[in-house]
PDB file of all heavy atoms in Angstrom:
ATOM      1  N   ASP A   1      10.938 -19.428  13.522  1.00  0.00           N
ATOM      2  CA  ASP A   1      10.314 -18.862  12.292  1.00  0.00           C
ATOM      3  C   ASP A   1       9.939 -17.396  12.654  1.00  0.00           C
ATOM      4  O   ASP A   1       8.831 -17.141  13.030  1.00  0.00           O
ATOM      5  CB  ASP A   1       9.063 -19.636  11.988  1.00  0.00           C
ATOM      6  CG  ASP A   1       8.501 -19.194  10.642  1.00  0.00           C
ATOM      7  OD1 ASP A   1       9.160 -18.541   9.918  1.00  0.00           O
ATOM      8  OD2 ASP A   1       7.309 -19.627  10.341  1.00  0.00           O
ATOM      9  N   VAL A   2      10.865 -16.535  12.493  1.00  0.00           N
ATOM     10  CA  VAL A   2      10.679 -15.140  12.796  1.00  0.00           C
ATOM     11  C   VAL A   2      10.444 -14.357  11.482  1.00  0.00           C
ATOM     12  O   VAL A   2      11.119 -14.616  10.536  1.00  0.00           O
ATOM     13  CB  VAL A   2      11.850 -14.544  13.581  1.00  0.00           C
ATOM     14  CG1 VAL A   2      11.670 -13.056  13.911  1.00  0.00           C
ATOM     15  CG2 VAL A   2      12.173 -15.326  14.825  1.00  0.00           C
ATOM     16  N   LEU A   3       9.437 -13.435  11.554  1.00  0.00           N
ATOM     17  CA  LEU A   3       9.197 -12.615  10.320  1.00  0.00           C
ATOM     18  C   LEU A   3      10.442 -11.775  10.008  1.00  0.00           C
ATOM     19  O   LEU A   3      10.968 -11.087  10.904  1.00  0.00           O
ATOM     20  CB  LEU A   3       7.982 -11.782  10.598  1.00  0.00           C
ATOM     21  CG  LEU A   3       6.671 -12.509  10.594  1.00  0.00           C
ATOM     22  CD1 LEU A   3       5.498 -11.429  10.983  1.00  0.00           C
ATOM     23  CD2 LEU A   3       6.323 -13.153   9.295  1.00  0.00           C
ATOM     24  N   SER A   4      10.752 -11.749   8.763  1.00  0.00           N
ATOM     25  CA  SER A   4      11.816 -10.854   8.332  1.00  0.00           C
ATOM     26  C   SER A   4      11.217  -9.491   7.965  1.00  0.00           C
ATOM     27  O   SER A   4      10.052  -9.339   7.863  1.00  0.00           O
ATOM     28  CB  SER A   4      12.513 -11.414   7.097  1.00  0.00           C
ATOM     29  OG  SER A   4      11.576 -11.504   6.001  1.00  0.00           O
ATOM     30  N   SER A   5      12.110  -8.489   7.715  1.00  0.00           N
ATOM     31  CA  SER A   5      11.639  -7.185   7.376  1.00  0.00           C
ATOM     32  C   SER A   5      10.869  -7.191   6.026  1.00  0.00           C
ATOM     33  O   SER A   5       9.931  -6.473   5.868  1.00  0.00           O
ATOM     34  CB  SER A   5      12.826  -6.179   7.318  1.00  0.00           C
ATOM     35  OG  SER A   5      13.732  -6.623   6.324  1.00  0.00           O
ATOM     36  N   ASP A   6      11.338  -8.029   5.148  1.00  0.00           N
ATOM     37  CA  ASP A   6      10.610  -8.175   3.835  1.00  0.00           C
ATOM     38  C   ASP A   6       9.262  -8.712   4.038  1.00  0.00           C
ATOM     39  O   ASP A   6       8.312  -8.309   3.382  1.00  0.00           O
ATOM     40  CB  ASP A   6      11.398  -9.074   2.842  1.00  0.00           C
ATOM     41  CG  ASP A   6      12.694  -8.460   2.370  1.00  0.00           C
ATOM     42  OD1 ASP A   6      12.758  -7.235   2.370  1.00  0.00           O
ATOM     43  OD2 ASP A   6      13.659  -9.176   2.006  1.00  0.00           O
ATOM     44  N   ASP A   7       9.075  -9.621   5.002  1.00  0.00           N
ATOM     45  CA  ASP A   7       7.731 -10.182   5.296  1.00  0.00           C
ATOM     46  C   ASP A   7       6.811  -9.114   5.841  1.00  0.00           C
ATOM     47  O   ASP A   7       5.659  -9.035   5.460  1.00  0.00           O
ATOM     48  CB  ASP A   7       7.828 -11.327   6.315  1.00  0.00           C
ATOM     49  CG  ASP A   7       8.563 -12.551   5.795  1.00  0.00           C
ATOM     50  OD1 ASP A   7       8.508 -12.700   4.573  1.00  0.00           O
ATOM     51  OD2 ASP A   7       9.161 -13.264   6.577  1.00  0.00           O
ATOM     52  N   VAL A   8       7.388  -8.252   6.710  1.00  0.00           N
ATOM     53  CA  VAL A   8       6.543  -7.200   7.266  1.00  0.00           C
ATOM     54  C   VAL A   8       6.146  -6.197   6.208  1.00  0.00           C
ATOM     55  O   VAL A   8       5.045  -5.674   6.189  1.00  0.00           O
ATOM     56  CB  VAL A   8       7.303  -6.562   8.464  1.00  0.00           C
ATOM     57  CG1 VAL A   8       6.504  -5.330   8.971  1.00  0.00           C
ATOM     58  CG2 VAL A   8       7.563  -7.540   9.581  1.00  0.00           C
ATOM     59  N   LYS A   9       7.120  -5.866   5.348  1.00  0.00           N
ATOM     60  CA  LYS A   9       6.818  -4.895   4.287  1.00  0.00           C
ATOM     61  C   LYS A   9       5.743  -5.523   3.364  1.00  0.00           C
ATOM     62  O   LYS A   9       4.876  -4.752   2.884  1.00  0.00           O
ATOM     63  CB  LYS A   9       8.128  -4.641   3.408  1.00  0.00           C
ATOM     64  CG  LYS A   9       9.162  -3.831   4.149  1.00  0.00           C
ATOM     65  CD  LYS A   9      10.393  -3.685   3.276  1.00  0.00           C
ATOM     66  CE  LYS A   9      11.524  -2.983   4.028  1.00  0.00           C
ATOM     67  NZ  LYS A   9      12.707  -2.855   3.166  1.00  0.00           N
ATOM     68  N   MET A  10       5.826  -6.772   3.069  1.00  0.00           N
ATOM     69  CA  MET A  10       4.790  -7.371   2.209  1.00  0.00           C
ATOM     70  C   MET A  10       3.417  -7.333   2.868  1.00  0.00           C
ATOM     71  O   MET A  10       2.405  -7.047   2.266  1.00  0.00           O
ATOM     72  CB  MET A  10       5.186  -8.844   1.908  1.00  0.00           C
ATOM     73  CG  MET A  10       4.216  -9.548   0.948  1.00  0.00           C
ATOM     74  SD  MET A  10       4.731 -11.191   0.490  1.00  0.00           S
ATOM     75  CE  MET A  10       6.329 -10.881  -0.296  1.00  0.00           C
ATOM     76  N   MET A  11       3.369  -7.593   4.184  1.00  0.00           N
ATOM     77  CA  MET A  11       2.149  -7.525   4.971  1.00  0.00           C
ATOM     78  C   MET A  11       1.604  -6.076   4.948  1.00  0.00           C
ATOM     79  O   MET A  11       0.400  -5.841   4.839  1.00  0.00           O
ATOM     80  CB  MET A  11       2.326  -8.016   6.349  1.00  0.00           C
ATOM     81  CG  MET A  11       2.678  -9.489   6.500  1.00  0.00           C
ATOM     82  SD  MET A  11       3.187 -10.013   8.157  1.00  0.00           S
ATOM     83  CE  MET A  11       1.708  -9.664   9.040  1.00  0.00           C
ATOM     84  N   ALA A  12       2.494  -5.131   5.036  1.00  0.00           N
ATOM     85  CA  ALA A  12       2.072  -3.687   4.966  1.00  0.00           C
ATOM     86  C   ALA A  12       1.454  -3.347   3.618  1.00  0.00           C
ATOM     87  O   ALA A  12       0.483  -2.645   3.484  1.00  0.00           O
ATOM     88  CB  ALA A  12       3.226  -2.815   5.293  1.00  0.00           C
ATOM     89  N   GLU A  13       2.091  -3.946   2.542  1.00  0.00           N
ATOM     90  CA  GLU A  13       1.555  -3.688   1.149  1.00  0.00           C
ATOM     91  C   GLU A  13       0.149  -4.281   1.058  1.00  0.00           C
ATOM     92  O   GLU A  13      -0.745  -3.618   0.502  1.00  0.00           O
ATOM     93  CB  GLU A  13       2.463  -4.345   0.121  1.00  0.00           C
ATOM     94  CG  GLU A  13       3.809  -3.639  -0.059  1.00  0.00           C
ATOM     95  CD  GLU A  13       3.707  -2.317  -0.794  1.00  0.00           C
ATOM     96  OE1 GLU A  13       2.657  -2.016  -1.306  1.00  0.00           O
ATOM     97  OE2 GLU A  13       4.741  -1.632  -0.933  1.00  0.00           O
ATOM     98  N   ILE A  14       0.019  -5.479   1.569  1.00  0.00           N
ATOM     99  CA  ILE A  14      -1.313  -6.118   1.506  1.00  0.00           C
ATOM    100  C   ILE A  14      -2.296  -5.341   2.336  1.00  0.00           C
ATOM    101  O   ILE A  14      -3.490  -5.165   1.965  1.00  0.00           O
ATOM    102  CB  ILE A  14      -1.252  -7.583   2.043  1.00  0.00           C
ATOM    103  CG1 ILE A  14      -0.380  -8.420   1.142  1.00  0.00           C
ATOM    104  CG2 ILE A  14      -2.578  -8.219   2.154  1.00  0.00           C
ATOM    105  CD1 ILE A  14      -0.036  -9.784   1.640  1.00  0.00           C
ATOM    106  N   GLY A  15      -1.891  -4.889   3.494  1.00  0.00           N
ATOM    107  CA  GLY A  15      -2.843  -4.096   4.383  1.00  0.00           C
ATOM    108  C   GLY A  15      -3.263  -2.791   3.679  1.00  0.00           C
ATOM    109  O   GLY A  15      -4.407  -2.389   3.735  1.00  0.00           O
ATOM    110  N   ARG A  16      -2.329  -2.079   3.008  1.00  0.00           N
ATOM    111  CA  ARG A  16      -2.702  -0.935   2.262  1.00  0.00           C
ATOM    112  C   ARG A  16      -3.657  -1.206   1.104  1.00  0.00           C
ATOM    113  O   ARG A  16      -4.581  -0.447   0.925  1.00  0.00           O
ATOM    114  CB  ARG A  16      -1.467  -0.186   1.749  1.00  0.00           C
ATOM    115  CG  ARG A  16      -1.728   1.133   1.090  1.00  0.00           C
ATOM    116  CD  ARG A  16      -0.556   1.890   0.652  1.00  0.00           C
ATOM    117  NE  ARG A  16       0.305   1.176  -0.350  1.00  0.00           N
ATOM    118  CZ  ARG A  16       1.253   1.721  -1.016  1.00  0.00           C
ATOM    119  NH1 ARG A  16       1.609   2.976  -0.785  1.00  0.00           N
ATOM    120  NH2 ARG A  16       1.881   1.073  -1.937  1.00  0.00           N
ATOM    121  N   ALA A  17      -3.379  -2.293   0.403  1.00  0.00           N
ATOM    122  CA  ALA A  17      -4.239  -2.645  -0.705  1.00  0.00           C
ATOM    123  C   ALA A  17      -5.623  -2.999  -0.282  1.00  0.00           C
ATOM    124  O   ALA A  17      -6.619  -2.704  -1.024  1.00  0.00           O
ATOM    125  CB  ALA A  17      -3.611  -3.855  -1.414  1.00  0.00           C
ATOM    126  N   HIS A  18      -5.763  -3.562   0.949  1.00  0.00           N
ATOM    127  CA  HIS A  18      -7.127  -3.918   1.441  1.00  0.00           C
ATOM    128  C   HIS A  18      -7.781  -2.801   2.271  1.00  0.00           C
ATOM    129  O   HIS A  18      -8.840  -2.930   2.759  1.00  0.00           O
ATOM    130  CB  HIS A  18      -7.053  -5.172   2.306  1.00  0.00           C
ATOM    131  CG  HIS A  18      -6.853  -6.445   1.473  1.00  0.00           C
ATOM    132  ND1 HIS A  18      -5.663  -6.769   0.946  1.00  0.00           N
ATOM    133  CD2 HIS A  18      -7.751  -7.419   1.138  1.00  0.00           C
ATOM    134  CE1 HIS A  18      -5.779  -7.946   0.279  1.00  0.00           C
ATOM    135  NE2 HIS A  18      -7.051  -8.297   0.322  1.00  0.00           N
ATOM    136  N   GLY A  19      -6.971  -1.670   2.453  1.00  0.00           N
ATOM    137  CA  GLY A  19      -7.585  -0.510   3.171  1.00  0.00           C
ATOM    138  C   GLY A  19      -7.496  -0.567   4.648  1.00  0.00           C
ATOM    139  O   GLY A  19      -8.049   0.253   5.341  1.00  0.00           O
ATOM    140  N   SER A  20      -6.826  -1.651   5.210  1.00  0.00           N
ATOM    141  CA  SER A  20      -6.752  -1.694   6.673  1.00  0.00           C
ATOM    142  C   SER A  20      -5.681  -0.768   7.231  1.00  0.00           C
ATOM    143  O   SER A  20      -5.736  -0.444   8.438  1.00  0.00           O
ATOM    144  CB  SER A  20      -6.364  -3.159   7.077  1.00  0.00           C
ATOM    145  OG  SER A  20      -5.184  -3.578   6.487  1.00  0.00           O
ATOM    146  N   ILE A  21      -4.745  -0.276   6.498  1.00  0.00           N
ATOM    147  CA  ILE A  21      -3.835   0.767   6.880  1.00  0.00           C
ATOM    148  C   ILE A  21      -3.741   1.815   5.799  1.00  0.00           C
ATOM    149  O   ILE A  21      -3.882   1.538   4.622  1.00  0.00           O
ATOM    150  CB  ILE A  21      -2.402   0.191   7.199  1.00  0.00           C
ATOM    151  CG1 ILE A  21      -1.752  -0.423   5.923  1.00  0.00           C
ATOM    152  CG2 ILE A  21      -2.441  -0.764   8.270  1.00  0.00           C
ATOM    153  CD1 ILE A  21      -0.327  -0.841   6.142  1.00  0.00           C
ATOM    154  N   ASP A  22      -3.516   3.074   6.210  1.00  0.00           N
ATOM    155  CA  ASP A  22      -3.505   4.091   5.193  1.00  0.00           C
ATOM    156  C   ASP A  22      -2.097   4.312   4.653  1.00  0.00           C
ATOM    157  O   ASP A  22      -1.154   3.644   5.085  1.00  0.00           O
ATOM    158  CB  ASP A  22      -4.064   5.426   5.730  1.00  0.00           C
ATOM    159  CG  ASP A  22      -3.321   5.895   6.996  1.00  0.00           C
ATOM    160  OD1 ASP A  22      -2.054   5.670   7.069  1.00  0.00           O
ATOM    161  OD2 ASP A  22      -3.915   6.524   7.902  1.00  0.00           O
ATOM    162  N   ASP A  23      -1.899   5.258   3.728  1.00  0.00           N
ATOM    163  CA  ASP A  23      -0.607   5.469   3.057  1.00  0.00           C
ATOM    164  C   ASP A  23       0.463   5.888   4.025  1.00  0.00           C
ATOM    165  O   ASP A  23       1.600   5.441   3.979  1.00  0.00           O
ATOM    166  CB  ASP A  23      -0.737   6.461   1.948  1.00  0.00           C
ATOM    167  CG  ASP A  23      -1.571   5.947   0.774  1.00  0.00           C
ATOM    168  OD1 ASP A  23      -1.674   4.691   0.655  1.00  0.00           O
ATOM    169  OD2 ASP A  23      -2.105   6.756  -0.019  1.00  0.00           O
ATOM    170  N   ASP A  24       0.074   6.786   4.998  1.00  0.00           N
ATOM    171  CA  ASP A  24       1.120   7.267   5.967  1.00  0.00           C
ATOM    172  C   ASP A  24       1.602   6.166   6.870  1.00  0.00           C
ATOM    173  O   ASP A  24       2.789   6.027   7.091  1.00  0.00           O
ATOM    174  CB  ASP A  24       0.464   8.389   6.823  1.00  0.00           C
ATOM    175  CG  ASP A  24       0.347   9.666   6.065  1.00  0.00           C
ATOM    176  OD1 ASP A  24       1.031   9.841   5.004  1.00  0.00           O
ATOM    177  OD2 ASP A  24      -0.508  10.494   6.432  1.00  0.00           O
ATOM    178  N   GLU A  25       0.640   5.312   7.349  1.00  0.00           N
ATOM    179  CA  GLU A  25       1.025   4.182   8.170  1.00  0.00           C
ATOM    180  C   GLU A  25       1.918   3.192   7.374  1.00  0.00           C
ATOM    181  O   GLU A  25       2.852   2.637   7.946  1.00  0.00           O
ATOM    182  CB  GLU A  25      -0.216   3.476   8.723  1.00  0.00           C
ATOM    183  CG  GLU A  25      -1.005   4.330   9.696  1.00  0.00           C
ATOM    184  CD  GLU A  25      -2.372   3.686  10.048  1.00  0.00           C
ATOM    185  OE1 GLU A  25      -2.897   2.898   9.141  1.00  0.00           O
ATOM    186  OE2 GLU A  25      -2.904   3.943  11.082  1.00  0.00           O
ATOM    187  N   HIS A  26       1.587   3.014   6.127  1.00  0.00           N
ATOM    188  CA  HIS A  26       2.426   2.115   5.304  1.00  0.00           C
ATOM    189  C   HIS A  26       3.811   2.630   5.176  1.00  0.00           C
ATOM    190  O   HIS A  26       4.763   1.872   5.265  1.00  0.00           O
ATOM    191  CB  HIS A  26       1.779   1.975   3.909  1.00  0.00           C
ATOM    192  CG  HIS A  26       2.578   1.274   2.909  1.00  0.00           C
ATOM    193  ND1 HIS A  26       3.291   2.023   1.951  1.00  0.00           N
ATOM    194  CD2 HIS A  26       2.835  -0.040   2.665  1.00  0.00           C
ATOM    195  CE1 HIS A  26       3.973   1.161   1.183  1.00  0.00           C
ATOM    196  NE2 HIS A  26       3.673  -0.074   1.571  1.00  0.00           N
ATOM    197  N   GLU A  27       3.937   3.903   4.937  1.00  0.00           N
ATOM    198  CA  GLU A  27       5.323   4.525   4.814  1.00  0.00           C
ATOM    199  C   GLU A  27       6.079   4.460   6.088  1.00  0.00           C
ATOM    200  O   GLU A  27       7.283   4.161   6.059  1.00  0.00           O
ATOM    201  CB  GLU A  27       5.167   5.967   4.336  1.00  0.00           C
ATOM    202  CG  GLU A  27       4.719   6.162   2.898  1.00  0.00           C
ATOM    203  CD  GLU A  27       5.626   5.458   1.904  1.00  0.00           C
ATOM    204  OE1 GLU A  27       6.859   5.448   2.106  1.00  0.00           O
ATOM    205  OE2 GLU A  27       5.074   4.808   0.990  1.00  0.00           O
ATOM    206  N   TRP A  28       5.409   4.591   7.245  1.00  0.00           N
ATOM    207  CA  TRP A  28       6.091   4.543   8.516  1.00  0.00           C
ATOM    208  C   TRP A  28       6.592   3.077   8.773  1.00  0.00           C
ATOM    209  O   TRP A  28       7.676   2.893   9.267  1.00  0.00           O
ATOM    210  CB  TRP A  28       5.131   4.952   9.667  1.00  0.00           C
ATOM    211  CG  TRP A  28       4.899   6.406   9.693  1.00  0.00           C
ATOM    212  CD1 TRP A  28       5.581   7.344   9.029  1.00  0.00           C
ATOM    213  CD2 TRP A  28       3.857   7.086  10.362  1.00  0.00           C
ATOM    214  NE1 TRP A  28       5.023   8.613   9.318  1.00  0.00           N
ATOM    215  CE2 TRP A  28       3.955   8.455  10.133  1.00  0.00           C
ATOM    216  CE3 TRP A  28       2.781   6.646  11.177  1.00  0.00           C
ATOM    217  CZ2 TRP A  28       3.095   9.398  10.638  1.00  0.00           C
ATOM    218  CZ3 TRP A  28       1.904   7.565  11.702  1.00  0.00           C
ATOM    219  CH2 TRP A  28       2.065   8.933  11.451  1.00  0.00           C
ATOM    220  N   ILE A  29       5.744   2.102   8.383  1.00  0.00           N
ATOM    221  CA  ILE A  29       6.180   0.691   8.611  1.00  0.00           C
ATOM    222  C   ILE A  29       7.386   0.398   7.762  1.00  0.00           C
ATOM    223  O   ILE A  29       8.328  -0.178   8.204  1.00  0.00           O
ATOM    224  CB  ILE A  29       5.020  -0.217   8.268  1.00  0.00           C
ATOM    225  CG1 ILE A  29       3.861  -0.084   9.254  1.00  0.00           C
ATOM    226  CG2 ILE A  29       5.468  -1.719   8.231  1.00  0.00           C
ATOM    227  CD1 ILE A  29       2.585  -0.852   8.944  1.00  0.00           C
ATOM    228  N   ARG A  30       7.392   0.850   6.495  1.00  0.00           N
ATOM    229  CA  ARG A  30       8.522   0.635   5.646  1.00  0.00           C
ATOM    230  C   ARG A  30       9.784   1.274   6.129  1.00  0.00           C
ATOM    231  O   ARG A  30      10.833   0.705   6.159  1.00  0.00           O
ATOM    232  CB  ARG A  30       8.177   1.085   4.198  1.00  0.00           C
ATOM    233  CG  ARG A  30       7.206   0.209   3.444  1.00  0.00           C
ATOM    234  CD  ARG A  30       7.148   0.638   2.013  1.00  0.00           C
ATOM    235  NE  ARG A  30       8.424   0.505   1.313  1.00  0.00           N
ATOM    236  CZ  ARG A  30       8.882  -0.537   0.744  1.00  0.00           C
ATOM    237  NH1 ARG A  30       8.131  -1.667   0.777  1.00  0.00           N
ATOM    238  NH2 ARG A  30      10.044  -0.605   0.177  1.00  0.00           N
ATOM    239  N   SER A  31       9.620   2.560   6.635  1.00  0.00           N
ATOM    240  CA  SER A  31      10.726   3.273   7.165  1.00  0.00           C
ATOM    241  C   SER A  31      11.351   2.610   8.397  1.00  0.00           C
ATOM    242  O   SER A  31      12.552   2.526   8.574  1.00  0.00           O
ATOM    243  CB  SER A  31      10.311   4.697   7.474  1.00  0.00           C
ATOM    244  OG  SER A  31       9.874   5.432   6.324  1.00  0.00           O
ATOM    245  N   ILE A  32      10.474   2.117   9.296  1.00  0.00           N
ATOM    246  CA  ILE A  32      10.928   1.442  10.484  1.00  0.00           C
ATOM    247  C   ILE A  32      11.651   0.181  10.127  1.00  0.00           C
ATOM    248  O   ILE A  32      12.745  -0.144  10.686  1.00  0.00           O
ATOM    249  CB  ILE A  32       9.694   1.132  11.444  1.00  0.00           C
ATOM    250  CG1 ILE A  32       9.245   2.450  11.986  1.00  0.00           C
ATOM    251  CG2 ILE A  32      10.162   0.227  12.577  1.00  0.00           C
ATOM    252  CD1 ILE A  32       7.892   2.281  12.764  1.00  0.00           C
ATOM    253  N   MET A  33      11.153  -0.546   9.151  1.00  0.00           N
ATOM    254  CA  MET A  33      11.846  -1.797   8.702  1.00  0.00           C
ATOM    255  C   MET A  33      13.140  -1.538   8.018  1.00  0.00           C
ATOM    256  O   MET A  33      14.119  -2.272   8.178  1.00  0.00           O
ATOM    257  CB  MET A  33      10.919  -2.620   7.796  1.00  0.00           C
ATOM    258  CG  MET A  33       9.691  -3.196   8.390  1.00  0.00           C
ATOM    259  SD  MET A  33      10.049  -4.381   9.713  1.00  0.00           S
ATOM    260  CE  MET A  33       9.708  -3.426  11.190  1.00  0.00           C
ATOM    261  N   ASP A  34      13.242  -0.376   7.404  1.00  0.00           N
ATOM    262  CA  ASP A  34      14.438   0.008   6.675  1.00  0.00           C
ATOM    263  C   ASP A  34      15.576   0.409   7.650  1.00  0.00           C
ATOM    264  O   ASP A  34      16.759   0.516   7.274  1.00  0.00           O
ATOM    265  CB  ASP A  34      14.210   1.048   5.641  1.00  0.00           C
ATOM    266  CG  ASP A  34      13.453   0.588   4.398  1.00  0.00           C
ATOM    267  OD1 ASP A  34      13.516  -0.571   4.221  1.00  0.00           O
ATOM    268  OD2 ASP A  34      12.851   1.428   3.759  1.00  0.00           O
ATOM    269  N   LEU A  35      15.200   0.763   8.913  1.00  0.00           N
ATOM    270  CA  LEU A  35      16.180   1.160   9.890  1.00  0.00           C
ATOM    271  C   LEU A  35      17.265   0.039  10.117  1.00  0.00           C
ATOM    272  O   LEU A  35      18.409   0.336  10.301  1.00  0.00           O
ATOM    273  CB  LEU A  35      15.607   1.506  11.214  1.00  0.00           C
ATOM    274  CG  LEU A  35      14.759   2.778  11.325  1.00  0.00           C
ATOM    275  CD1 LEU A  35      14.249   2.985  12.718  1.00  0.00           C
ATOM    276  CD2 LEU A  35      15.651   3.965  10.919  1.00  0.00           C
TER     277      LEU A  35
END
């Protein structure tokens, strides 16, 4: 049961919505997953 890139992106969206990560960190996570 390994997290997919879509799972990580969703977690990043939730983290940004709750304020635990900022917009720049959210964009970096999405960019890394998109690699």
